[in-house]
Amino acid sequence: MPSSTLESITAEPPSLTVTWPRLRLFLEGWQRFRRHRIAMVGLALLALLLVLCLAAPVITSYDPIRQNLSQALRPVSADHPLGTDHLGRDMLARLLFGGRLSLLIGFFAVGIGLAVGVPLGAISGFQGGRTDLVIQRFADILLSFPGFLLALSLVAILGVGLRNVIISVGISAVPSFIRLVRGSVLSIREQVYVEAAYALGQRRAMIIFRHVLPNAMAPVIVQGTLSLGFAILVAAGLGFLGLGVQAPTPEWGTMLGEGRQYIFRAPSLTTFPGLAIFLAVLGFNLFGDGLRDALDPRMRQM
């Protein structure tokens, strides 16, 4: 009886001491983020793009793939608010459905970068020694290529297609996460609570994923947000060169590549996809900038 009573007493306070401070920190971060007007503009821009893309079947009734050559290169009208392309396909429908694919590529590619780069960076920084040397030389090899050139080289090896584009863009984002997480872990592993976990006999894997990584995630979240814009740009560049998502599937970069042949006759074929890419990348950059300020511990006293 006394032992169970002691267990119940000692089991409750940790949940309170963990949950409420984290909730308070989250609310404080949200308040700092709300005061960042530029970041709120970025969030509103991203929300608008996301809603428009998700509501594409409601906004337009046109099939983004179906051709109608009799309606080719039509100007802006009531029937076609953004005109039609060289094959008579509605540009608004292609832009909205293409946005779904472009955003999907960005999220999945950054997800690959996080899934590979974060554990490697944590192991590299925490383990040190030969393991650190091998992982860092691997990151150096990837960093020796510019991001777009690395993705281009990987597509040339793997072949064109949606899956290979996601993999290529994701791998090009890996080295930045490795370096970022390693730098954070190098400072965190010297903290007192990590030494206490060692003293309690916890395994290294448990210490890394339970104590070190959660405290290193703030800069990773910011980097991941900023990397989304970069991933969309790289995927659009591959599509523009004809090495990304293949026609007739709509994707912003592919639409740019198709429209460049008609840039003087129908400039809207490149203007609207280019503007969509610009707004998406701008939104992620503004949002990431505000998120960085909100998660910066030095801003908590302001």
C-alpha atoms as a PDB file:
ATOM      1  CA  MET A   1       0.000   0.000   0.000  1.00  0.00           C
ATOM      2  CA  PRO A   2       2.635   2.568   0.863  1.00  0.00           C
ATOM      3  CA  SER A   3       4.667   1.713  -2.235  1.00  0.00           C
ATOM      4  CA  SER A   4       1.677   2.128  -4.577  1.00  0.00           C
ATOM      5  CA  THR A   5       0.804   5.397  -2.878  1.00  0.00           C
ATOM      6  CA  LEU A   6       4.321   6.677  -3.388  1.00  0.00           C
ATOM      7  CA  GLU A   7       4.239   5.621  -7.047  1.00  0.00           C
ATOM      8  CA  SER A   8       0.977   7.473  -7.657  1.00  0.00           C
ATOM      9  CA  ILE A   9       2.334  10.578  -5.964  1.00  0.00           C
ATOM     10  CA  THR A  10       5.551  10.568  -7.948  1.00  0.00           C
ATOM     11  CA  ALA A  11       3.779   9.761 -11.219  1.00  0.00           C
ATOM     12  CA  GLU A  12       1.532  12.838 -11.363  1.00  0.00           C
ATOM     13  CA  PRO A  13       3.844  15.849 -10.910  1.00  0.00           C
ATOM     14  CA  PRO A  14       6.103  15.081 -13.937  1.00  0.00           C
ATOM     15  CA  SER A  15       3.144  15.290 -16.326  1.00  0.00           C
ATOM     16  CA  LEU A  16       2.189  18.644 -14.873  1.00  0.00           C
ATOM     17  CA  THR A  17       5.719  19.970 -14.869  1.00  0.00           C
ATOM     18  CA  VAL A  18       6.274  18.851 -18.451  1.00  0.00           C
ATOM     19  CA  THR A  19       2.922  19.697 -20.053  1.00  0.00           C
ATOM     20  CA  TRP A  20       2.284  23.171 -18.694  1.00  0.00           C
ATOM     21  CA  PRO A  21       5.727  24.674 -19.334  1.00  0.00           C
ATOM     22  CA  ARG A  22       5.653  23.353 -22.904  1.00  0.00           C
ATOM     23  CA  LEU A  23       2.170  24.776 -23.414  1.00  0.00           C
ATOM     24  CA  ARG A  24       3.296  28.103 -21.983  1.00  0.00           C
ATOM     25  CA  LEU A  25       6.341  28.179 -24.271  1.00  0.00           C
ATOM     26  CA  PHE A  26       4.131  27.370 -27.251  1.00  0.00           C
ATOM     27  CA  LEU A  27       1.730  30.188 -26.416  1.00  0.00           C
ATOM     28  CA  GLU A  28       4.606  32.618 -25.922  1.00  0.00           C
ATOM     29  CA  GLY A  29       6.084  31.600 -29.273  1.00  0.00           C
ATOM     30  CA  TRP A  30       2.700  32.051 -30.959  1.00  0.00           C
ATOM     31  CA  GLN A  31       2.375  35.534 -29.475  1.00  0.00           C
ATOM     32  CA  ARG A  32       5.826  36.479 -30.792  1.00  0.00           C
ATOM     33  CA  PHE A  33       4.922  35.037 -34.181  1.00  0.00           C
ATOM     34  CA  ARG A  34       1.670  37.024 -34.307  1.00  0.00           C
ATOM     35  CA  ARG A  35       3.572  40.239 -33.641  1.00  0.00           C
ATOM     36  CA  HIS A  36       5.762  39.488 -36.685  1.00  0.00           C
ATOM     37  CA  ARG A  37       3.587  41.118 -39.372  1.00  0.00           C
ATOM     38  CA  ILE A  38       5.669  39.939 -42.302  1.00  0.00           C
ATOM     39  CA  ALA A  39       5.433  36.369 -41.031  1.00  0.00           C
ATOM     40  CA  MET A  40       1.654  36.662 -40.750  1.00  0.00           C
ATOM     41  CA  VAL A  41       1.565  37.832 -44.372  1.00  0.00           C
ATOM     42  CA  GLY A  42       3.533  34.731 -45.332  1.00  0.00           C
ATOM     43  CA  LEU A  43       1.193  32.485 -43.334  1.00  0.00           C
ATOM     44  CA  ALA A  44      -1.878  34.083 -44.929  1.00  0.00           C
ATOM     45  CA  LEU A  45      -0.338  33.696 -48.385  1.00  0.00           C
ATOM     46  CA  LEU A  46       0.415  30.017 -47.809  1.00  0.00           C
ATOM     47  CA  ALA A  47      -3.051  29.411 -46.382  1.00  0.00           C
ATOM     48  CA  LEU A  48      -4.633  31.058 -49.422  1.00  0.00           C
ATOM     49  CA  LEU A  49      -2.585  28.983 -51.875  1.00  0.00           C
ATOM     50  CA  LEU A  50      -3.334  25.791 -49.960  1.00  0.00           C
ATOM     51  CA  VAL A  51      -7.086  26.470 -49.835  1.00  0.00           C
ATOM     52  CA  LEU A  52      -7.216  27.324 -53.539  1.00  0.00           C
ATOM     53  CA  CYS A  53      -5.332  24.180 -54.524  1.00  0.00           C
ATOM     54  CA  LEU A  54      -7.395  21.902 -52.289  1.00  0.00           C
ATOM     55  CA  ALA A  55     -10.641  23.484 -53.514  1.00  0.00           C
ATOM     56  CA  ALA A  56      -9.652  23.147 -57.198  1.00  0.00           C
ATOM     57  CA  PRO A  57     -12.563  20.796 -58.090  1.00  0.00           C
ATOM     58  CA  VAL A  58     -14.993  23.307 -56.575  1.00  0.00           C
ATOM     59  CA  ILE A  59     -13.448  26.429 -58.142  1.00  0.00           C
ATOM     60  CA  THR A  60     -13.291  25.070 -61.695  1.00  0.00           C
ATOM     61  CA  SER A  61     -15.170  22.346 -63.550  1.00  0.00           C
ATOM     62  CA  TYR A  62     -12.567  21.943 -66.297  1.00  0.00           C
ATOM     63  CA  ASP A  63     -10.378  18.870 -66.612  1.00  0.00           C
ATOM     64  CA  PRO A  64      -6.736  20.052 -66.399  1.00  0.00           C
ATOM     65  CA  ILE A  65      -5.621  17.342 -68.847  1.00  0.00           C
ATOM     66  CA  ARG A  66      -8.419  17.297 -71.428  1.00  0.00           C
ATOM     67  CA  GLN A  67      -7.464  18.976 -74.710  1.00  0.00           C
ATOM     68  CA  ASN A  68      -9.674  21.162 -76.892  1.00  0.00           C
ATOM     69  CA  LEU A  69      -7.657  22.431 -79.852  1.00  0.00           C
ATOM     70  CA  SER A  70     -10.498  24.663 -81.034  1.00  0.00           C
ATOM     71  CA  GLN A  71     -10.010  26.714 -77.834  1.00  0.00           C
ATOM     72  CA  ALA A  72      -6.214  26.939 -78.041  1.00  0.00           C
ATOM     73  CA  LEU A  73      -4.500  30.117 -76.781  1.00  0.00           C
ATOM     74  CA  ARG A  74      -7.722  31.850 -75.821  1.00  0.00           C
ATOM     75  CA  PRO A  75      -7.284  35.107 -73.869  1.00  0.00           C
ATOM     76  CA  VAL A  76      -8.717  35.777 -70.427  1.00  0.00           C
ATOM     77  CA  SER A  77     -12.508  35.542 -70.523  1.00  0.00           C
ATOM     78  CA  ALA A  78     -15.514  34.699 -68.361  1.00  0.00           C
ATOM     79  CA  ASP A  79     -15.355  31.052 -69.440  1.00  0.00           C
ATOM     80  CA  HIS A  80     -11.587  30.860 -68.930  1.00  0.00           C
ATOM     81  CA  PRO A  81     -10.522  33.364 -66.224  1.00  0.00           C
ATOM     82  CA  LEU A  82      -6.819  32.779 -66.974  1.00  0.00           C
ATOM     83  CA  GLY A  83      -7.196  31.830 -70.636  1.00  0.00           C
ATOM     84  CA  THR A  84      -6.180  28.542 -72.249  1.00  0.00           C
ATOM     85  CA  ASP A  85      -2.860  27.015 -73.260  1.00  0.00           C
ATOM     86  CA  HIS A  86      -1.627  25.861 -76.683  1.00  0.00           C
ATOM     87  CA  LEU A  87      -3.707  22.682 -76.443  1.00  0.00           C
ATOM     88  CA  GLY A  88      -6.906  24.410 -75.341  1.00  0.00           C
ATOM     89  CA  ARG A  89      -6.649  23.354 -71.687  1.00  0.00           C
ATOM     90  CA  ASP A  90      -7.990  25.731 -69.065  1.00  0.00           C
ATOM     91  CA  MET A  91      -5.084  27.528 -67.391  1.00  0.00           C
ATOM     92  CA  LEU A  92      -6.875  28.088 -64.093  1.00  0.00           C
ATOM     93  CA  ALA A  93      -7.583  24.375 -63.730  1.00  0.00           C
ATOM     94  CA  ARG A  94      -4.006  23.458 -64.620  1.00  0.00           C
ATOM     95  CA  LEU A  95      -2.611  26.072 -62.249  1.00  0.00           C
ATOM     96  CA  LEU A  96      -4.693  24.877 -59.279  1.00  0.00           C
ATOM     97  CA  PHE A  97      -4.201  21.160 -59.861  1.00  0.00           C
ATOM     98  CA  GLY A  98      -0.542  21.784 -60.665  1.00  0.00           C
ATOM     99  CA  GLY A  99      -0.186  23.595 -57.345  1.00  0.00           C
ATOM    100  CA  ARG A 100      -1.285  20.447 -55.559  1.00  0.00           C
ATOM    101  CA  LEU A 101       1.547  18.518 -57.166  1.00  0.00           C
ATOM    102  CA  SER A 102       4.170  21.238 -56.650  1.00  0.00           C
ATOM    103  CA  LEU A 103       3.340  21.570 -52.954  1.00  0.00           C
ATOM    104  CA  LEU A 104       3.237  17.792 -52.596  1.00  0.00           C
ATOM    105  CA  ILE A 105       6.721  17.496 -54.088  1.00  0.00           C
ATOM    106  CA  GLY A 106       7.997  20.145 -51.680  1.00  0.00           C
ATOM    107  CA  PHE A 107       6.543  18.485 -48.577  1.00  0.00           C
ATOM    108  CA  PHE A 108       7.638  14.960 -49.482  1.00  0.00           C
ATOM    109  CA  ALA A 109      11.129  16.078 -50.541  1.00  0.00           C
ATOM    110  CA  VAL A 110      11.691  17.970 -47.282  1.00  0.00           C
ATOM    111  CA  GLY A 111      10.307  14.954 -45.432  1.00  0.00           C
ATOM    112  CA  ILE A 112      13.037  12.815 -47.012  1.00  0.00           C
ATOM    113  CA  GLY A 113      15.644  15.412 -46.062  1.00  0.00           C
ATOM    114  CA  LEU A 114      14.422  15.391 -42.458  1.00  0.00           C
ATOM    115  CA  ALA A 115      14.108  11.610 -42.207  1.00  0.00           C
ATOM    116  CA  VAL A 116      17.672  11.073 -43.433  1.00  0.00           C
ATOM    117  CA  GLY A 117      19.507  14.223 -42.331  1.00  0.00           C
ATOM    118  CA  VAL A 118      18.251  14.599 -38.754  1.00  0.00           C
ATOM    119  CA  PRO A 119      19.224  11.105 -37.478  1.00  0.00           C
ATOM    120  CA  LEU A 120      22.574  11.229 -39.297  1.00  0.00           C
ATOM    121  CA  GLY A 121      23.349  14.666 -37.875  1.00  0.00           C
ATOM    122  CA  ALA A 122      22.358  13.584 -34.366  1.00  0.00           C
ATOM    123  CA  ILE A 123      24.485  10.441 -34.511  1.00  0.00           C
ATOM    124  CA  SER A 124      27.401  12.372 -36.003  1.00  0.00           C
ATOM    125  CA  GLY A 125      27.386  15.072 -33.338  1.00  0.00           C
ATOM    126  CA  PHE A 126      26.717  12.795 -30.377  1.00  0.00           C
ATOM    127  CA  GLN A 127      28.918   9.840 -31.293  1.00  0.00           C
ATOM    128  CA  GLY A 128      31.969  11.702 -32.588  1.00  0.00           C
ATOM    129  CA  GLY A 129      35.118   9.888 -33.628  1.00  0.00           C
ATOM    130  CA  ARG A 130      35.193   7.795 -36.776  1.00  0.00           C
ATOM    131  CA  THR A 131      31.403   7.805 -37.121  1.00  0.00           C
ATOM    132  CA  ASP A 132      31.392  11.597 -37.170  1.00  0.00           C
ATOM    133  CA  LEU A 133      34.208  11.609 -39.728  1.00  0.00           C
ATOM    134  CA  VAL A 134      32.407   9.254 -42.125  1.00  0.00           C
ATOM    135  CA  ILE A 135      29.068  11.085 -41.933  1.00  0.00           C
ATOM    136  CA  GLN A 136      30.676  14.500 -42.374  1.00  0.00           C
ATOM    137  CA  ARG A 137      32.664  13.358 -45.398  1.00  0.00           C
ATOM    138  CA  PHE A 138      29.399  12.065 -46.868  1.00  0.00           C
ATOM    139  CA  ALA A 139      27.826  15.487 -46.239  1.00  0.00           C
ATOM    140  CA  ASP A 140      30.868  17.183 -47.785  1.00  0.00           C
ATOM    141  CA  ILE A 141      30.456  15.135 -50.961  1.00  0.00           C
ATOM    142  CA  LEU A 142      26.816  16.180 -51.254  1.00  0.00           C
ATOM    143  CA  LEU A 143      27.622  19.808 -50.444  1.00  0.00           C
ATOM    144  CA  SER A 144      30.289  19.906 -53.160  1.00  0.00           C
ATOM    145  CA  PHE A 145      27.395  20.064 -55.661  1.00  0.00           C
ATOM    146  CA  PRO A 146      25.002  23.015 -55.789  1.00  0.00           C
ATOM    147  CA  GLY A 147      21.543  21.864 -54.726  1.00  0.00           C
ATOM    148  CA  PHE A 148      19.975  22.106 -58.165  1.00  0.00           C
ATOM    149  CA  LEU A 149      22.953  20.450 -59.867  1.00  0.00           C
ATOM    150  CA  LEU A 150      22.843  17.570 -57.382  1.00  0.00           C
ATOM    151  CA  ALA A 151      19.128  17.042 -58.008  1.00  0.00           C
ATOM    152  CA  LEU A 152      19.726  17.263 -61.765  1.00  0.00           C
ATOM    153  CA  SER A 153      22.479  14.644 -61.568  1.00  0.00           C
ATOM    154  CA  LEU A 154      20.308  12.308 -59.526  1.00  0.00           C
ATOM    155  CA  VAL A 155      17.415  12.630 -61.964  1.00  0.00           C
ATOM    156  CA  ALA A 156      19.813  11.820 -64.801  1.00  0.00           C
ATOM    157  CA  ILE A 157      20.754   8.617 -62.927  1.00  0.00           C
ATOM    158  CA  LEU A 158      17.314   7.615 -61.651  1.00  0.00           C
ATOM    159  CA  GLY A 159      15.272   8.805 -64.622  1.00  0.00           C
ATOM    160  CA  VAL A 160      12.430  11.289 -64.962  1.00  0.00           C
ATOM    161  CA  GLY A 161       9.126  10.968 -63.168  1.00  0.00           C
ATOM    162  CA  LEU A 162       7.368  12.196 -60.060  1.00  0.00           C
ATOM    163  CA  ARG A 163       8.869   9.656 -57.661  1.00  0.00           C
ATOM    164  CA  ASN A 164      12.432  10.224 -58.859  1.00  0.00           C
ATOM    165  CA  VAL A 165      12.006  13.999 -58.685  1.00  0.00           C
ATOM    166  CA  ILE A 166      10.891  13.750 -55.040  1.00  0.00           C
ATOM    167  CA  ILE A 167      13.819  11.472 -54.186  1.00  0.00           C
ATOM    168  CA  SER A 168      16.339  13.681 -55.991  1.00  0.00           C
ATOM    169  CA  VAL A 169      15.130  16.924 -54.432  1.00  0.00           C
ATOM    170  CA  GLY A 170      14.936  15.240 -51.017  1.00  0.00           C
ATOM    171  CA  ILE A 171      18.522  13.978 -51.177  1.00  0.00           C
ATOM    172  CA  SER A 172      19.729  17.437 -52.180  1.00  0.00           C
ATOM    173  CA  ALA A 173      18.257  18.759 -48.883  1.00  0.00           C
ATOM    174  CA  VAL A 174      19.943  16.119 -46.693  1.00  0.00           C
ATOM    175  CA  PRO A 175      23.398  17.713 -46.126  1.00  0.00           C
ATOM    176  CA  SER A 176      22.008  20.997 -44.779  1.00  0.00           C
ATOM    177  CA  PHE A 177      20.029  19.094 -42.118  1.00  0.00           C
ATOM    178  CA  ILE A 178      23.061  16.955 -41.227  1.00  0.00           C
ATOM    179  CA  ARG A 179      25.225  20.014 -40.591  1.00  0.00           C
ATOM    180  CA  LEU A 180      22.518  21.916 -38.735  1.00  0.00           C
ATOM    181  CA  VAL A 181      21.608  19.069 -36.374  1.00  0.00           C
ATOM    182  CA  ARG A 182      25.245  18.157 -35.750  1.00  0.00           C
ATOM    183  CA  GLY A 183      26.047  21.720 -34.663  1.00  0.00           C
ATOM    184  CA  SER A 184      23.099  21.773 -32.257  1.00  0.00           C
ATOM    185  CA  VAL A 185      23.894  18.345 -30.819  1.00  0.00           C
ATOM    186  CA  LEU A 186      27.532  19.275 -30.173  1.00  0.00           C
ATOM    187  CA  SER A 187      26.397  21.962 -27.741  1.00  0.00           C
ATOM    188  CA  ILE A 188      23.466  20.034 -26.255  1.00  0.00           C
ATOM    189  CA  ARG A 189      25.451  16.908 -25.411  1.00  0.00           C
ATOM    190  CA  GLU A 190      27.496  18.907 -22.869  1.00  0.00           C
ATOM    191  CA  GLN A 191      24.411  19.916 -20.888  1.00  0.00           C
ATOM    192  CA  VAL A 192      23.867  18.704 -17.320  1.00  0.00           C
ATOM    193  CA  TYR A 193      20.686  16.730 -18.084  1.00  0.00           C
ATOM    194  CA  VAL A 194      22.570  14.672 -20.698  1.00  0.00           C
ATOM    195  CA  GLU A 195      25.259  13.849 -18.139  1.00  0.00           C
ATOM    196  CA  ALA A 196      22.510  12.921 -15.671  1.00  0.00           C
ATOM    197  CA  ALA A 197      20.994  10.545 -18.223  1.00  0.00           C
ATOM    198  CA  TYR A 198      24.423   8.949 -18.623  1.00  0.00           C
ATOM    199  CA  ALA A 199      24.714   8.591 -14.861  1.00  0.00           C
ATOM    200  CA  LEU A 200      21.323   6.857 -14.720  1.00  0.00           C
ATOM    201  CA  GLY A 201      22.612   4.251 -17.160  1.00  0.00           C
ATOM    202  CA  GLN A 202      20.416   5.109 -20.131  1.00  0.00           C
ATOM    203  CA  ARG A 203      21.510   3.828 -23.522  1.00  0.00           C
ATOM    204  CA  ARG A 204      22.969   6.219 -26.070  1.00  0.00           C
ATOM    205  CA  ALA A 205      20.104   5.758 -28.517  1.00  0.00           C
ATOM    206  CA  MET A 206      17.627   6.618 -25.761  1.00  0.00           C
ATOM    207  CA  ILE A 207      19.610   9.707 -24.777  1.00  0.00           C
ATOM    208  CA  ILE A 208      19.806  10.917 -28.383  1.00  0.00           C
ATOM    209  CA  PHE A 209      16.134  10.509 -29.260  1.00  0.00           C
ATOM    210  CA  ARG A 210      14.656  11.360 -25.857  1.00  0.00           C
ATOM    211  CA  HIS A 211      16.887  14.115 -24.502  1.00  0.00           C
ATOM    212  CA  VAL A 212      19.071  15.539 -27.287  1.00  0.00           C
ATOM    213  CA  LEU A 213      16.919  15.657 -30.427  1.00  0.00           C
ATOM    214  CA  PRO A 214      13.823  17.280 -28.838  1.00  0.00           C
ATOM    215  CA  ASN A 215      16.011  20.179 -27.687  1.00  0.00           C
ATOM    216  CA  ALA A 216      17.601  20.532 -31.131  1.00  0.00           C
ATOM    217  CA  MET A 217      14.377  20.667 -33.137  1.00  0.00           C
ATOM    218  CA  ALA A 218      13.721  24.428 -33.098  1.00  0.00           C
ATOM    219  CA  PRO A 219      16.324  25.300 -35.777  1.00  0.00           C
ATOM    220  CA  VAL A 220      15.385  22.146 -37.687  1.00  0.00           C
ATOM    221  CA  ILE A 221      11.749  23.277 -37.911  1.00  0.00           C
ATOM    222  CA  VAL A 222      12.841  26.652 -39.250  1.00  0.00           C
ATOM    223  CA  GLN A 223      15.241  25.087 -41.750  1.00  0.00           C
ATOM    224  CA  GLY A 224      12.544  22.671 -42.872  1.00  0.00           C
ATOM    225  CA  THR A 225      10.130  25.532 -43.538  1.00  0.00           C
ATOM    226  CA  LEU A 226      12.710  27.453 -45.557  1.00  0.00           C
ATOM    227  CA  SER A 227      13.681  24.273 -47.421  1.00  0.00           C
ATOM    228  CA  LEU A 228      10.116  23.891 -48.683  1.00  0.00           C
ATOM    229  CA  GLY A 229      10.543  26.961 -50.869  1.00  0.00           C
ATOM    230  CA  PHE A 230      13.886  25.685 -52.120  1.00  0.00           C
ATOM    231  CA  ALA A 231      12.377  22.261 -52.925  1.00  0.00           C
ATOM    232  CA  ILE A 232       9.571  23.837 -54.943  1.00  0.00           C
ATOM    233  CA  LEU A 233      12.110  25.920 -56.872  1.00  0.00           C
ATOM    234  CA  VAL A 234      14.319  22.920 -57.648  1.00  0.00           C
ATOM    235  CA  ALA A 235      11.360  20.791 -58.723  1.00  0.00           C
ATOM    236  CA  ALA A 236      10.100  23.635 -60.919  1.00  0.00           C
ATOM    237  CA  GLY A 237      13.538  23.995 -62.482  1.00  0.00           C
ATOM    238  CA  LEU A 238      13.632  20.290 -63.302  1.00  0.00           C
ATOM    239  CA  GLY A 239      10.141  20.519 -64.777  1.00  0.00           C
ATOM    240  CA  PHE A 240      11.140  23.539 -66.853  1.00  0.00           C
ATOM    241  CA  LEU A 241      14.011  21.520 -68.356  1.00  0.00           C
ATOM    242  CA  GLY A 242      11.680  18.625 -69.119  1.00  0.00           C
ATOM    243  CA  LEU A 243      13.253  16.375 -66.467  1.00  0.00           C
ATOM    244  CA  GLY A 244      10.557  16.680 -63.824  1.00  0.00           C
ATOM    245  CA  VAL A 245       6.891  15.765 -63.871  1.00  0.00           C
ATOM    246  CA  GLN A 246       6.014  14.755 -67.407  1.00  0.00           C
ATOM    247  CA  ALA A 247       3.199  16.165 -69.537  1.00  0.00           C
ATOM    248  CA  PRO A 248       0.242  16.160 -69.619  1.00  0.00           C
ATOM    249  CA  THR A 249       0.281  16.132 -65.789  1.00  0.00           C
ATOM    250  CA  PRO A 250       0.079  19.763 -64.631  1.00  0.00           C
ATOM    251  CA  GLU A 251       2.959  21.063 -62.501  1.00  0.00           C
ATOM    252  CA  TRP A 252       4.143  24.641 -62.268  1.00  0.00           C
ATOM    253  CA  GLY A 253       7.657  24.021 -63.607  1.00  0.00           C
ATOM    254  CA  THR A 254       6.402  21.816 -66.433  1.00  0.00           C
ATOM    255  CA  MET A 255       3.839  24.473 -67.344  1.00  0.00           C
ATOM    256  CA  LEU A 256       6.645  27.039 -67.540  1.00  0.00           C
ATOM    257  CA  GLY A 257       8.597  24.776 -69.878  1.00  0.00           C
ATOM    258  CA  GLU A 258       5.597  24.248 -72.138  1.00  0.00           C
ATOM    259  CA  GLY A 259       4.727  27.936 -72.241  1.00  0.00           C
ATOM    260  CA  ARG A 260       8.187  29.276 -73.117  1.00  0.00           C
ATOM    261  CA  GLN A 261       7.599  28.522 -76.814  1.00  0.00           C
ATOM    262  CA  TYR A 262       4.648  30.918 -76.783  1.00  0.00           C
ATOM    263  CA  ILE A 263       6.124  33.577 -74.505  1.00  0.00           C
ATOM    264  CA  PHE A 264       5.559  36.406 -77.014  1.00  0.00           C
ATOM    265  CA  ARG A 265       2.275  35.178 -78.462  1.00  0.00           C
ATOM    266  CA  ALA A 266       0.674  34.191 -75.141  1.00  0.00           C
ATOM    267  CA  PRO A 267       2.781  35.460 -72.226  1.00  0.00           C
ATOM    268  CA  SER A 268       0.145  34.336 -69.722  1.00  0.00           C
ATOM    269  CA  LEU A 269       1.297  30.729 -70.215  1.00  0.00           C
ATOM    270  CA  THR A 270       4.511  31.553 -68.370  1.00  0.00           C
ATOM    271  CA  THR A 271       3.366  34.527 -66.304  1.00  0.00           C
ATOM    272  CA  PHE A 272       0.789  32.706 -64.177  1.00  0.00           C
ATOM    273  CA  PRO A 273       2.870  29.603 -63.313  1.00  0.00           C
ATOM    274  CA  GLY A 274       5.891  31.809 -62.619  1.00  0.00           C
ATOM    275  CA  LEU A 275       3.807  34.038 -60.357  1.00  0.00           C
ATOM    276  CA  ALA A 276       2.471  31.003 -58.498  1.00  0.00           C
ATOM    277  CA  ILE A 277       6.018  29.725 -57.865  1.00  0.00           C
ATOM    278  CA  PHE A 278       7.079  33.183 -56.722  1.00  0.00           C
ATOM    279  CA  LEU A 279       4.192  33.510 -54.262  1.00  0.00           C
ATOM    280  CA  ALA A 280       4.691  30.016 -52.836  1.00  0.00           C
ATOM    281  CA  VAL A 281       8.428  30.490 -52.281  1.00  0.00           C
ATOM    282  CA  LEU A 282       7.868  33.980 -50.870  1.00  0.00           C
ATOM    283  CA  GLY A 283       5.234  32.669 -48.476  1.00  0.00           C
ATOM    284  CA  PHE A 284       7.507  29.917 -47.128  1.00  0.00           C
ATOM    285  CA  ASN A 285      10.426  32.328 -46.737  1.00  0.00           C
ATOM    286  CA  LEU A 286       8.358  34.910 -44.851  1.00  0.00           C
ATOM    287  CA  PHE A 287       6.790  32.221 -42.682  1.00  0.00           C
ATOM    288  CA  GLY A 288      10.169  30.673 -41.929  1.00  0.00           C
ATOM    289  CA  ASP A 289      11.634  34.053 -41.009  1.00  0.00           C
ATOM    290  CA  GLY A 290       8.880  34.681 -38.474  1.00  0.00           C
ATOM    291  CA  LEU A 291       9.139  31.137 -37.149  1.00  0.00           C
ATOM    292  CA  ARG A 292      12.856  31.630 -36.566  1.00  0.00           C
ATOM    293  CA  ASP A 293      12.183  34.704 -34.441  1.00  0.00           C
ATOM    294  CA  ALA A 294       9.381  32.957 -32.547  1.00  0.00           C
ATOM    295  CA  LEU A 295      11.554  29.952 -31.670  1.00  0.00           C
ATOM    296  CA  ASP A 296      14.682  31.952 -30.839  1.00  0.00           C
ATOM    297  CA  PRO A 297      15.267  31.760 -27.058  1.00  0.00           C
ATOM    298  CA  ARG A 298      16.852  35.214 -27.132  1.00  0.00           C
ATOM    299  CA  MET A 299      13.484  36.670 -28.182  1.00  0.00           C
ATOM    300  CA  ARG A 300      11.667  35.368 -25.108  1.00  0.00           C
ATOM    301  CA  GLN A 301      12.664  38.367 -23.026  1.00  0.00           C
ATOM    302  CA  MET A 302      11.414  40.843 -25.590  1.00  0.00           C
END
